Structures are given as C-alpha cells and as structure tokens.
Amino acid sequence: MMLALVKNHGRALQLLQEIRNAGKEDADALFNMGVCQRELGDVGSAARTFKDYTDRFPEHSDGWIVRGDALQHLGSLQEAVAAYKAGLKLTPTDDETLKKASLCLLQLDQGSQAIDLCQEILKDHPEMLTARIGADWVLSKLVPYWHIPMMNEQERNQCRRAFKFDQLCALNFDQGLLPSRHSLVCG
C-alpha cells in the first residue's frame, strides 16, 4: 500500500478498512492491515489480524512469522513459538525465524526444545549454518562453556562417582581446584 510506504499508516489502515470486503478477502490487504496496526502500536489488533490472515491463508509463511512477532511482543511466547514453527514448516531455511523461535523457547526455559528444533531442521537441510550454530549457541546458554569438556570426560566422571563427597572435597583441595576448605560448606 502506497500510504504505508510513506509512513502514513493511519490513513493506509483507514483506506484498507474502507475497501475491505469480508466475504472475499484479499491476502495483501489483510496482511497490510496488520502491518499498519503494528506500526501504529496496536499490537493486539495486529495479532488478531495476523491470526485472521493465517486462518484464511495458512500457506503463506510471512503471515505466520509476523503473527509470531506480534505474539512475542505481547509476551505470549508459547503461541509465538507455535506461529514461528508453522512458518518454519513452510520455509525451513528462514534463519531469522529459527532465531526468533529459539529465543522464545529459551525465555520459556525450554532450551532442549530449541536444540531439538535446530536438529530437526538439520535433518532435511544439513547445509543450514544457522541451525548448526544455533544448536551450539543454545547449548552454551544451558551449560557453561567450561563445563562442556568435563561432560565428555567419561574416565574422570566415573572416578568421581567412586569417591564419597568428603573424599572428593579433599582431592579438590589438594589439587588446588577449590580455594580453601573454608569456602565450602559440607553437610
């Protein structure tokens, strides 16, 4: 819509609403109505318009993505993830949508699902660098970097399981892994 292009979203929205024919919906008009509502700061209305858009035109990935954006802005993260996932089913190599979905999942403390999402995309698109790096990045948010090598040291981990807690504390003090016996409260 030309008015939206020159940043007159209020007038563009007004014209779109005037020409809207609810019986025969134009995908572009409905999408642009949602964009105008979002740009005017009425994100709730935009989310409803984008829901209407995705209900009527579920094959358009752009609708799912902007719906997810609006829902994320409103704090409806679980719904935003669902919208982003629907968009990713239609355009699985969309880097930005994968990032947005992963961030929402991290905010929901569902990091393992974010890793699963990246790995699921990698099954069909092993060349997708964002999914590969994204899975590693999410893992780094869940587990501190310094801990990852220790997770893979099977021999060391088996030795630690063989010791009792007080024996393990004594070994750590002797090796300088803990600063002093006073810094640890056991019991």
N, C-alpha and C. Protein backbone atom coordinates (compact mmCIF):
# COMPACT_ATOMS: atom_id res chain seq x y z
N MET A 1 0.86 -1.17 0.00
CA MET A 1 0.00 0.00 0.00
C MET A 1 0.90 1.23 0.00
N MET A 2 0.63 2.16 -0.89
CA MET A 2 1.49 3.32 -1.07
C MET A 2 1.57 4.19 0.18
N LEU A 3 0.45 4.40 0.88
CA LEU A 3 0.48 5.25 2.07
C LEU A 3 1.34 4.64 3.17
N ALA A 4 1.33 3.34 3.25
CA ALA A 4 2.16 2.67 4.26
C ALA A 4 3.63 2.84 3.91
N LEU A 5 3.92 2.88 2.62
CA LEU A 5 5.31 3.05 2.21
C LEU A 5 5.86 4.43 2.57
N VAL A 6 5.01 5.42 2.64
CA VAL A 6 5.45 6.75 3.02
C VAL A 6 5.16 7.02 4.50
N LYS A 7 4.93 5.98 5.26
CA LYS A 7 4.79 6.02 6.71
C LYS A 7 3.50 6.69 7.20
N ASN A 8 2.48 6.74 6.37
CA ASN A 8 1.19 7.24 6.82
C ASN A 8 0.30 6.03 7.10
N HIS A 9 0.66 5.29 8.13
CA HIS A 9 -0.02 4.02 8.43
C HIS A 9 -1.47 4.23 8.86
N GLY A 10 -1.75 5.35 9.52
CA GLY A 10 -3.13 5.62 9.95
C GLY A 10 -4.07 5.75 8.76
N ARG A 11 -3.68 6.53 7.78
CA ARG A 11 -4.51 6.72 6.59
C ARG A 11 -4.57 5.44 5.78
N ALA A 12 -3.45 4.72 5.68
CA ALA A 12 -3.44 3.45 4.94
C ALA A 12 -4.40 2.47 5.58
N LEU A 13 -4.39 2.38 6.91
CA LEU A 13 -5.29 1.46 7.61
C LEU A 13 -6.74 1.85 7.37
N GLN A 14 -7.02 3.15 7.42
CA GLN A 14 -8.38 3.63 7.18
C GLN A 14 -8.87 3.23 5.79
N LEU A 15 -8.03 3.43 4.78
CA LEU A 15 -8.42 3.06 3.41
C LEU A 15 -8.59 1.55 3.26
N LEU A 16 -7.70 0.79 3.87
CA LEU A 16 -7.82 -0.67 3.79
C LEU A 16 -9.11 -1.15 4.43
N GLN A 17 -9.49 -0.56 5.54
CA GLN A 17 -10.73 -0.94 6.20
C GLN A 17 -11.95 -0.55 5.37
N GLU A 18 -11.87 0.58 4.66
CA GLU A 18 -12.98 1.03 3.82
C GLU A 18 -13.19 0.11 2.62
N ILE A 19 -12.11 -0.36 2.03
CA ILE A 19 -12.25 -1.20 0.83
C ILE A 19 -12.35 -2.68 1.14
N ARG A 20 -12.23 -3.02 2.40
CA ARG A 20 -12.24 -4.44 2.79
C ARG A 20 -13.60 -5.06 2.50
N ASN A 21 -13.56 -6.22 1.86
CA ASN A 21 -14.76 -7.00 1.59
C ASN A 21 -14.60 -8.29 2.37
N ALA A 22 -15.30 -8.39 3.50
CA ALA A 22 -15.12 -9.53 4.40
C ALA A 22 -15.48 -10.85 3.73
N GLY A 23 -16.39 -10.85 2.76
CA GLY A 23 -16.78 -12.08 2.09
C GLY A 23 -15.70 -12.61 1.17
N LYS A 24 -14.97 -11.71 0.54
CA LYS A 24 -13.90 -12.11 -0.38
C LYS A 24 -12.65 -11.33 0.02
N GLU A 25 -11.85 -11.97 0.83
CA GLU A 25 -10.68 -11.28 1.41
C GLU A 25 -9.49 -11.31 0.47
N ASP A 26 -8.85 -10.19 0.40
CA ASP A 26 -7.62 -10.04 -0.36
C ASP A 26 -6.46 -10.25 0.61
N ALA A 27 -5.58 -11.21 0.31
CA ALA A 27 -4.48 -11.54 1.21
C ALA A 27 -3.59 -10.33 1.46
N ASP A 28 -3.25 -9.58 0.42
CA ASP A 28 -2.38 -8.42 0.58
C ASP A 28 -3.02 -7.35 1.45
N ALA A 29 -4.30 -7.10 1.24
CA ALA A 29 -4.99 -6.07 2.03
C ALA A 29 -5.02 -6.46 3.51
N LEU A 30 -5.35 -7.70 3.79
CA LEU A 30 -5.42 -8.14 5.18
C LEU A 30 -4.04 -8.10 5.85
N PHE A 31 -3.04 -8.56 5.13
CA PHE A 31 -1.67 -8.53 5.66
C PHE A 31 -1.25 -7.09 5.96
N ASN A 32 -1.52 -6.19 5.01
CA ASN A 32 -1.13 -4.79 5.19
C ASN A 32 -1.91 -4.11 6.31
N MET A 33 -3.13 -4.54 6.55
CA MET A 33 -3.88 -4.01 7.69
C MET A 33 -3.14 -4.35 8.99
N GLY A 34 -2.70 -5.58 9.10
CA GLY A 34 -1.96 -5.99 10.29
C GLY A 34 -0.66 -5.23 10.45
N VAL A 35 0.04 -5.01 9.32
CA VAL A 35 1.29 -4.25 9.37
C VAL A 35 1.02 -2.82 9.84
N CYS A 36 -0.03 -2.20 9.31
CA CYS A 36 -0.37 -0.83 9.72
C CYS A 36 -0.72 -0.78 11.21
N GLN A 37 -1.51 -1.74 11.68
CA GLN A 37 -1.86 -1.78 13.10
C GLN A 37 -0.62 -1.92 13.96
N ARG A 38 0.29 -2.79 13.55
CA ARG A 38 1.53 -2.97 14.31
C ARG A 38 2.35 -1.69 14.32
N GLU A 39 2.48 -1.05 13.17
CA GLU A 39 3.27 0.18 13.08
C GLU A 39 2.65 1.32 13.87
N LEU A 40 1.34 1.29 14.04
CA LEU A 40 0.65 2.31 14.84
C LEU A 40 0.71 2.00 16.34
N GLY A 41 1.31 0.86 16.69
CA GLY A 41 1.48 0.50 18.10
C GLY A 41 0.32 -0.32 18.66
N ASP A 42 -0.63 -0.70 17.83
CA ASP A 42 -1.77 -1.51 18.28
C ASP A 42 -1.45 -2.98 18.00
N VAL A 43 -0.52 -3.51 18.77
CA VAL A 43 0.00 -4.86 18.52
C VAL A 43 -1.07 -5.92 18.78
N GLY A 44 -1.96 -5.67 19.73
CA GLY A 44 -3.05 -6.62 20.00
C GLY A 44 -3.95 -6.79 18.79
N SER A 45 -4.34 -5.68 18.18
CA SER A 45 -5.16 -5.75 16.96
C SER A 45 -4.38 -6.39 15.82
N ALA A 46 -3.10 -6.06 15.73
CA ALA A 46 -2.27 -6.66 14.69
C ALA A 46 -2.22 -8.18 14.86
N ALA A 47 -2.06 -8.64 16.10
CA ALA A 47 -2.01 -10.09 16.36
C ALA A 47 -3.32 -10.75 15.93
N ARG A 48 -4.45 -10.09 16.21
CA ARG A 48 -5.75 -10.65 15.80
C ARG A 48 -5.88 -10.65 14.27
N THR A 49 -5.41 -9.59 13.63
CA THR A 49 -5.47 -9.53 12.17
C THR A 49 -4.58 -10.59 11.55
N PHE A 50 -3.39 -10.76 12.10
CA PHE A 50 -2.50 -11.79 11.57
C PHE A 50 -3.04 -13.20 11.83
N LYS A 51 -3.78 -13.38 12.93
CA LYS A 51 -4.42 -14.68 13.18
C LYS A 51 -5.48 -14.93 12.10
N ASP A 52 -6.27 -13.90 11.82
CA ASP A 52 -7.27 -14.00 10.76
C ASP A 52 -6.58 -14.31 9.42
N TYR A 53 -5.44 -13.66 9.18
CA TYR A 53 -4.69 -13.88 7.96
C TYR A 53 -4.22 -15.34 7.86
N THR A 54 -3.62 -15.86 8.94
CA THR A 54 -3.11 -17.23 8.89
C THR A 54 -4.26 -18.25 8.85
N ASP A 55 -5.42 -17.91 9.42
CA ASP A 55 -6.58 -18.80 9.32
C ASP A 55 -7.06 -18.89 7.87
N ARG A 56 -7.03 -17.77 7.18
CA ARG A 56 -7.53 -17.72 5.80
C ARG A 56 -6.47 -18.14 4.77
N PHE A 57 -5.21 -17.84 5.08
CA PHE A 57 -4.12 -18.10 4.14
C PHE A 57 -2.98 -18.84 4.85
N PRO A 58 -3.23 -20.06 5.30
CA PRO A 58 -2.23 -20.78 6.09
C PRO A 58 -0.97 -21.17 5.31
N GLU A 59 -1.02 -21.08 4.00
CA GLU A 59 0.13 -21.46 3.18
C GLU A 59 1.14 -20.33 3.02
N HIS A 60 0.86 -19.17 3.58
CA HIS A 60 1.76 -18.01 3.48
C HIS A 60 2.63 -17.92 4.73
N SER A 61 3.89 -18.21 4.59
CA SER A 61 4.79 -18.22 5.76
C SER A 61 4.95 -16.84 6.38
N ASP A 62 4.89 -15.80 5.55
CA ASP A 62 5.08 -14.45 6.10
C ASP A 62 4.02 -14.11 7.14
N GLY A 63 2.82 -14.61 6.97
CA GLY A 63 1.76 -14.38 7.95
C GLY A 63 2.06 -15.02 9.29
N TRP A 64 2.56 -16.24 9.24
CA TRP A 64 2.91 -16.93 10.48
C TRP A 64 4.04 -16.21 11.22
N ILE A 65 4.97 -15.70 10.45
CA ILE A 65 6.14 -15.05 11.06
C ILE A 65 5.74 -13.73 11.72
N VAL A 66 4.97 -12.89 11.03
CA VAL A 66 4.56 -11.63 11.64
C VAL A 66 3.57 -11.87 12.78
N ARG A 67 2.80 -12.93 12.69
CA ARG A 67 1.92 -13.30 13.82
C ARG A 67 2.79 -13.66 15.03
N GLY A 68 3.84 -14.44 14.80
CA GLY A 68 4.76 -14.78 15.89
C GLY A 68 5.41 -13.55 16.48
N ASP A 69 5.80 -12.61 15.62
CA ASP A 69 6.42 -11.37 16.11
C ASP A 69 5.47 -10.60 17.02
N ALA A 70 4.21 -10.49 16.59
CA ALA A 70 3.22 -9.76 17.39
C ALA A 70 2.98 -10.46 18.72
N LEU A 71 2.85 -11.78 18.68
CA LEU A 71 2.61 -12.54 19.92
C LEU A 71 3.82 -12.44 20.85
N GLN A 72 5.01 -12.47 20.29
CA GLN A 72 6.21 -12.33 21.12
C GLN A 72 6.21 -10.95 21.78
N HIS A 73 5.86 -9.94 21.04
CA HIS A 73 5.81 -8.58 21.58
C HIS A 73 4.80 -8.49 22.72
N LEU A 74 3.70 -9.23 22.61
CA LEU A 74 2.66 -9.23 23.65
C LEU A 74 3.02 -10.12 24.84
N GLY A 75 4.11 -10.88 24.73
CA GLY A 75 4.53 -11.76 25.81
C GLY A 75 3.90 -13.14 25.76
N SER A 76 3.19 -13.45 24.69
CA SER A 76 2.58 -14.77 24.51
C SER A 76 3.59 -15.67 23.81
N LEU A 77 4.62 -16.04 24.55
CA LEU A 77 5.76 -16.72 23.94
C LEU A 77 5.42 -18.11 23.41
N GLN A 78 4.60 -18.86 24.14
CA GLN A 78 4.26 -20.22 23.68
C GLN A 78 3.51 -20.15 22.36
N GLU A 79 2.59 -19.20 22.25
CA GLU A 79 1.85 -19.03 21.00
C GLU A 79 2.78 -18.53 19.89
N ALA A 80 3.72 -17.67 20.25
CA ALA A 80 4.69 -17.16 19.28
C ALA A 80 5.52 -18.31 18.72
N VAL A 81 5.95 -19.21 19.60
CA VAL A 81 6.73 -20.37 19.16
C VAL A 81 5.92 -21.20 18.17
N ALA A 82 4.65 -21.42 18.49
CA ALA A 82 3.79 -22.21 17.59
C ALA A 82 3.68 -21.53 16.22
N ALA A 83 3.54 -20.21 16.20
CA ALA A 83 3.45 -19.48 14.93
C ALA A 83 4.78 -19.57 14.16
N TYR A 84 5.88 -19.39 14.88
CA TYR A 84 7.19 -19.48 14.22
C TYR A 84 7.42 -20.89 13.65
N LYS A 85 7.03 -21.90 14.41
CA LYS A 85 7.19 -23.28 13.91
C LYS A 85 6.35 -23.52 12.66
N ALA A 86 5.14 -22.95 12.64
CA ALA A 86 4.29 -23.09 11.45
C ALA A 86 4.96 -22.40 10.25
N GLY A 87 5.56 -21.25 10.49
CA GLY A 87 6.30 -20.56 9.42
C GLY A 87 7.49 -21.36 8.95
N LEU A 88 8.19 -21.99 9.91
CA LEU A 88 9.36 -22.79 9.56
C LEU A 88 8.99 -24.05 8.78
N LYS A 89 7.79 -24.57 8.98
CA LYS A 89 7.36 -25.74 8.18
C LYS A 89 7.24 -25.36 6.71
N LEU A 90 6.86 -24.10 6.47
CA LEU A 90 6.71 -23.64 5.09
C LEU A 90 8.03 -23.14 4.49
N THR A 91 8.87 -22.54 5.32
CA THR A 91 10.18 -22.05 4.88
C THR A 91 11.23 -22.45 5.92
N PRO A 92 11.63 -23.73 5.90
CA PRO A 92 12.50 -24.25 6.95
C PRO A 92 13.90 -23.65 6.98
N THR A 93 14.31 -22.96 5.93
CA THR A 93 15.66 -22.39 5.92
C THR A 93 15.65 -20.89 6.25
N ASP A 94 14.57 -20.41 6.84
CA ASP A 94 14.47 -19.00 7.23
C ASP A 94 15.26 -18.79 8.53
N ASP A 95 16.45 -18.24 8.39
CA ASP A 95 17.36 -18.06 9.51
C ASP A 95 16.75 -17.23 10.64
N GLU A 96 16.15 -16.10 10.29
CA GLU A 96 15.63 -15.19 11.31
C GLU A 96 14.49 -15.82 12.10
N THR A 97 13.64 -16.56 11.44
CA THR A 97 12.53 -17.20 12.15
C THR A 97 13.04 -18.28 13.10
N LEU A 98 14.05 -19.02 12.69
CA LEU A 98 14.65 -20.02 13.57
C LEU A 98 15.24 -19.35 14.80
N LYS A 99 15.91 -18.23 14.61
CA LYS A 99 16.49 -17.49 15.75
C LYS A 99 15.39 -17.03 16.69
N LYS A 100 14.31 -16.47 16.14
CA LYS A 100 13.22 -15.97 16.97
C LYS A 100 12.58 -17.10 17.77
N ALA A 101 12.33 -18.23 17.12
CA ALA A 101 11.73 -19.37 17.82
C ALA A 101 12.65 -19.87 18.93
N SER A 102 13.94 -19.95 18.65
CA SER A 102 14.91 -20.42 19.64
C SER A 102 14.97 -19.49 20.84
N LEU A 103 14.95 -18.19 20.59
CA LEU A 103 14.98 -17.23 21.70
C LEU A 103 13.73 -17.32 22.56
N CYS A 104 12.58 -17.48 21.93
CA CYS A 104 11.34 -17.64 22.70
C CYS A 104 11.41 -18.90 23.57
N LEU A 105 11.89 -19.99 22.99
CA LEU A 105 11.99 -21.23 23.75
C LEU A 105 12.96 -21.08 24.92
N LEU A 106 14.06 -20.38 24.73
CA LEU A 106 14.98 -20.13 25.84
C LEU A 106 14.31 -19.30 26.93
N GLN A 107 13.55 -18.29 26.54
CA GLN A 107 12.84 -17.47 27.52
C GLN A 107 11.81 -18.29 28.30
N LEU A 108 11.30 -19.32 27.68
CA LEU A 108 10.33 -20.21 28.33
C LEU A 108 11.01 -21.33 29.12
N ASP A 109 12.35 -21.28 29.21
CA ASP A 109 13.14 -22.34 29.85
C ASP A 109 12.93 -23.68 29.17
N GLN A 110 12.81 -23.65 27.86
CA GLN A 110 12.63 -24.87 27.06
C GLN A 110 13.78 -24.99 26.05
N GLY A 111 14.99 -24.83 26.58
CA GLY A 111 16.17 -24.85 25.73
C GLY A 111 16.35 -26.16 24.98
N SER A 112 15.99 -27.27 25.61
CA SER A 112 16.15 -28.55 24.93
C SER A 112 15.25 -28.63 23.69
N GLN A 113 14.09 -27.99 23.76
CA GLN A 113 13.21 -27.95 22.59
C GLN A 113 13.81 -27.08 21.49
N ALA A 114 14.53 -26.02 21.88
CA ALA A 114 15.20 -25.17 20.89
C ALA A 114 16.28 -25.97 20.16
N ILE A 115 17.03 -26.77 20.92
CA ILE A 115 18.05 -27.62 20.30
C ILE A 115 17.39 -28.64 19.38
N ASP A 116 16.29 -29.23 19.83
CA ASP A 116 15.56 -30.20 19.00
C ASP A 116 15.08 -29.55 17.70
N LEU A 117 14.60 -28.32 17.80
CA LEU A 117 14.13 -27.61 16.61
C LEU A 117 15.27 -27.43 15.60
N CYS A 118 16.42 -27.01 16.09
CA CYS A 118 17.59 -26.84 15.20
C CYS A 118 17.99 -28.18 14.58
N GLN A 119 18.00 -29.23 15.38
CA GLN A 119 18.39 -30.55 14.87
C GLN A 119 17.37 -31.09 13.88
N GLU A 120 16.12 -30.80 14.11
CA GLU A 120 15.07 -31.24 13.19
C GLU A 120 15.26 -30.60 11.81
N ILE A 121 15.59 -29.33 11.81
CA ILE A 121 15.83 -28.63 10.54
C ILE A 121 17.09 -29.17 9.86
N LEU A 122 18.09 -29.48 10.67
CA LEU A 122 19.35 -30.01 10.10
C LEU A 122 19.17 -31.36 9.43
N LYS A 123 18.17 -32.14 9.85
CA LYS A 123 17.93 -33.45 9.20
C LYS A 123 17.66 -33.29 7.72
N ASP A 124 16.82 -32.30 7.38
CA ASP A 124 16.46 -32.09 5.97
C ASP A 124 17.35 -31.07 5.27
N HIS A 125 18.02 -30.22 6.07
CA HIS A 125 18.85 -29.16 5.50
C HIS A 125 20.19 -29.10 6.23
N PRO A 126 21.03 -30.11 6.03
CA PRO A 126 22.31 -30.17 6.76
C PRO A 126 23.25 -29.02 6.44
N GLU A 127 22.98 -28.32 5.36
CA GLU A 127 23.83 -27.19 4.97
C GLU A 127 23.47 -25.90 5.71
N MET A 128 22.37 -25.91 6.46
CA MET A 128 21.90 -24.69 7.11
C MET A 128 22.78 -24.33 8.31
N LEU A 129 23.62 -23.37 8.10
CA LEU A 129 24.60 -22.95 9.10
C LEU A 129 23.93 -22.39 10.35
N THR A 130 22.85 -21.65 10.19
CA THR A 130 22.17 -21.06 11.35
C THR A 130 21.66 -22.14 12.29
N ALA A 131 21.14 -23.22 11.76
CA ALA A 131 20.65 -24.31 12.61
C ALA A 131 21.80 -25.00 13.33
N ARG A 132 22.90 -25.18 12.64
CA ARG A 132 24.07 -25.84 13.24
C ARG A 132 24.65 -24.97 14.37
N ILE A 133 24.88 -23.70 14.06
CA ILE A 133 25.43 -22.79 15.06
C ILE A 133 24.40 -22.53 16.16
N GLY A 134 23.13 -22.45 15.76
CA GLY A 134 22.07 -22.19 16.73
C GLY A 134 21.99 -23.27 17.81
N ALA A 135 22.11 -24.53 17.42
CA ALA A 135 22.06 -25.61 18.41
C ALA A 135 23.22 -25.49 19.39
N ASP A 136 24.40 -25.17 18.87
CA ASP A 136 25.57 -24.98 19.75
C ASP A 136 25.38 -23.78 20.66
N TRP A 137 24.82 -22.71 20.11
CA TRP A 137 24.62 -21.49 20.89
C TRP A 137 23.62 -21.74 22.03
N VAL A 138 22.53 -22.43 21.72
CA VAL A 138 21.53 -22.74 22.75
C VAL A 138 22.17 -23.60 23.83
N LEU A 139 22.95 -24.59 23.44
CA LEU A 139 23.64 -25.44 24.41
C LEU A 139 24.54 -24.60 25.31
N SER A 140 25.21 -23.61 24.73
CA SER A 140 26.10 -22.75 25.54
C SER A 140 25.31 -21.92 26.54
N LYS A 141 24.05 -21.64 26.26
CA LYS A 141 23.21 -20.90 27.20
C LYS A 141 22.71 -21.81 28.32
N LEU A 142 22.62 -23.10 28.02
CA LEU A 142 22.13 -24.05 29.02
C LEU A 142 23.24 -24.58 29.92
N VAL A 143 24.42 -24.76 29.35
CA VAL A 143 25.55 -25.34 30.07
C VAL A 143 26.74 -24.39 29.90
N PRO A 144 27.37 -23.96 30.98
CA PRO A 144 28.54 -23.07 30.84
C PRO A 144 29.63 -23.72 29.99
N TYR A 145 30.35 -22.88 29.23
CA TYR A 145 31.41 -23.38 28.34
C TYR A 145 32.43 -24.25 29.08
N TRP A 146 32.82 -23.85 30.26
CA TRP A 146 33.86 -24.58 30.97
C TRP A 146 33.39 -25.97 31.39
N HIS A 147 32.09 -26.19 31.41
CA HIS A 147 31.56 -27.48 31.86
C HIS A 147 31.46 -28.50 30.74
N ILE A 148 31.35 -28.04 29.50
CA ILE A 148 31.13 -28.95 28.37
C ILE A 148 32.26 -29.97 28.21
N PRO A 149 33.55 -29.58 28.26
CA PRO A 149 34.60 -30.60 28.15
C PRO A 149 34.52 -31.63 29.29
N MET A 150 34.16 -31.16 30.48
CA MET A 150 34.08 -32.08 31.62
C MET A 150 32.96 -33.11 31.43
N MET A 151 31.90 -32.73 30.72
CA MET A 151 30.79 -33.65 30.50
C MET A 151 31.24 -34.84 29.65
N ASN A 152 32.24 -34.63 28.81
CA ASN A 152 32.68 -35.67 27.89
C ASN A 152 33.87 -36.49 28.41
N GLU A 153 34.34 -36.19 29.60
CA GLU A 153 35.46 -36.93 30.17
C GLU A 153 34.93 -38.11 30.99
N GLN A 154 34.64 -39.19 30.28
CA GLN A 154 34.00 -40.34 30.91
C GLN A 154 34.85 -40.95 32.02
N GLU A 155 36.15 -41.07 31.79
CA GLU A 155 37.02 -41.68 32.79
C GLU A 155 37.01 -40.84 34.08
N ARG A 156 37.12 -39.55 33.93
CA ARG A 156 37.11 -38.66 35.09
C ARG A 156 35.77 -38.73 35.82
N ASN A 157 34.68 -38.75 35.06
CA ASN A 157 33.35 -38.78 35.68
C ASN A 157 33.12 -40.09 36.42
N GLN A 158 33.63 -41.21 35.89
CA GLN A 158 33.49 -42.49 36.58
C GLN A 158 34.30 -42.49 37.87
N CYS A 159 35.49 -41.88 37.85
CA CYS A 159 36.30 -41.79 39.06
C CYS A 159 35.59 -40.97 40.12
N ARG A 160 34.98 -39.88 39.72
CA ARG A 160 34.28 -39.03 40.68
C ARG A 160 33.12 -39.78 41.34
N ARG A 161 32.44 -40.61 40.60
CA ARG A 161 31.32 -41.36 41.17
C ARG A 161 31.81 -42.37 42.21
N ALA A 162 33.04 -42.81 42.10
CA ALA A 162 33.57 -43.82 43.02
C ALA A 162 33.92 -43.23 44.39
N PHE A 163 34.14 -41.92 44.45
CA PHE A 163 34.52 -41.28 45.71
C PHE A 163 33.29 -40.78 46.46
N LYS A 164 33.43 -40.75 47.79
CA LYS A 164 32.42 -40.13 48.62
C LYS A 164 32.64 -38.62 48.57
N PHE A 165 31.64 -37.87 48.95
CA PHE A 165 31.70 -36.42 48.84
C PHE A 165 32.89 -35.84 49.61
N ASP A 166 33.14 -36.28 50.84
CA ASP A 166 34.24 -35.71 51.62
C ASP A 166 35.60 -36.06 51.02
N GLN A 167 35.72 -37.26 50.40
CA GLN A 167 36.96 -37.63 49.74
C GLN A 167 37.19 -36.76 48.51
N LEU A 168 36.11 -36.49 47.79
CA LEU A 168 36.20 -35.67 46.60
C LEU A 168 36.60 -34.24 46.96
N CYS A 169 36.04 -33.69 48.06
CA CYS A 169 36.42 -32.35 48.51
C CYS A 169 37.90 -32.31 48.87
N ALA A 170 38.40 -33.34 49.55
CA ALA A 170 39.80 -33.38 49.94
C ALA A 170 40.70 -33.40 48.70
N LEU A 171 40.32 -34.19 47.68
CA LEU A 171 41.11 -34.23 46.44
C LEU A 171 41.13 -32.87 45.75
N ASN A 172 39.99 -32.20 45.72
CA ASN A 172 39.91 -30.89 45.07
C ASN A 172 40.77 -29.86 45.80
N PHE A 173 40.81 -29.93 47.15
CA PHE A 173 41.64 -29.00 47.92
C PHE A 173 43.12 -29.27 47.63
N ASP A 174 43.48 -30.55 47.63
CA ASP A 174 44.87 -30.92 47.41
C ASP A 174 45.35 -30.51 46.01
N GLN A 175 44.46 -30.57 45.03
CA GLN A 175 44.84 -30.22 43.66
C GLN A 175 44.67 -28.74 43.37
N GLY A 176 44.19 -27.99 44.36
CA GLY A 176 44.00 -26.55 44.18
C GLY A 176 42.77 -26.19 43.37
N LEU A 177 41.83 -27.14 43.23
CA LEU A 177 40.62 -26.85 42.47
C LEU A 177 39.63 -26.03 43.27
N LEU A 178 39.73 -26.08 44.60
CA LEU A 178 38.91 -25.24 45.47
C LEU A 178 39.86 -24.34 46.25
N PRO A 179 39.53 -23.08 46.47
CA PRO A 179 40.47 -22.14 47.08
C PRO A 179 40.86 -22.47 48.51
N SER A 180 39.93 -22.90 49.33
CA SER A 180 40.27 -23.27 50.70
C SER A 180 39.16 -24.13 51.27
N ARG A 181 39.48 -24.81 52.36
CA ARG A 181 38.46 -25.65 52.99
C ARG A 181 37.35 -24.79 53.59
N HIS A 182 37.60 -23.53 53.87
CA HIS A 182 36.60 -22.64 54.47
C HIS A 182 35.58 -22.15 53.45
N SER A 183 35.90 -22.30 52.17
CA SER A 183 35.00 -21.78 51.14
C SER A 183 33.88 -22.75 50.81
N LEU A 184 33.91 -23.96 51.36
CA LEU A 184 32.92 -24.97 51.05
C LEU A 184 32.20 -25.38 52.32
N VAL A 185 30.90 -25.34 52.28
CA VAL A 185 30.11 -25.80 53.42
C VAL A 185 29.61 -27.17 53.06
N CYS A 186 30.07 -28.17 53.78
CA CYS A 186 29.66 -29.55 53.52
C CYS A 186 28.59 -29.94 54.53
N GLY A 187 27.70 -30.81 54.10
CA GLY A 187 26.77 -31.35 55.07
C GLY A 187 25.43 -31.23 54.59
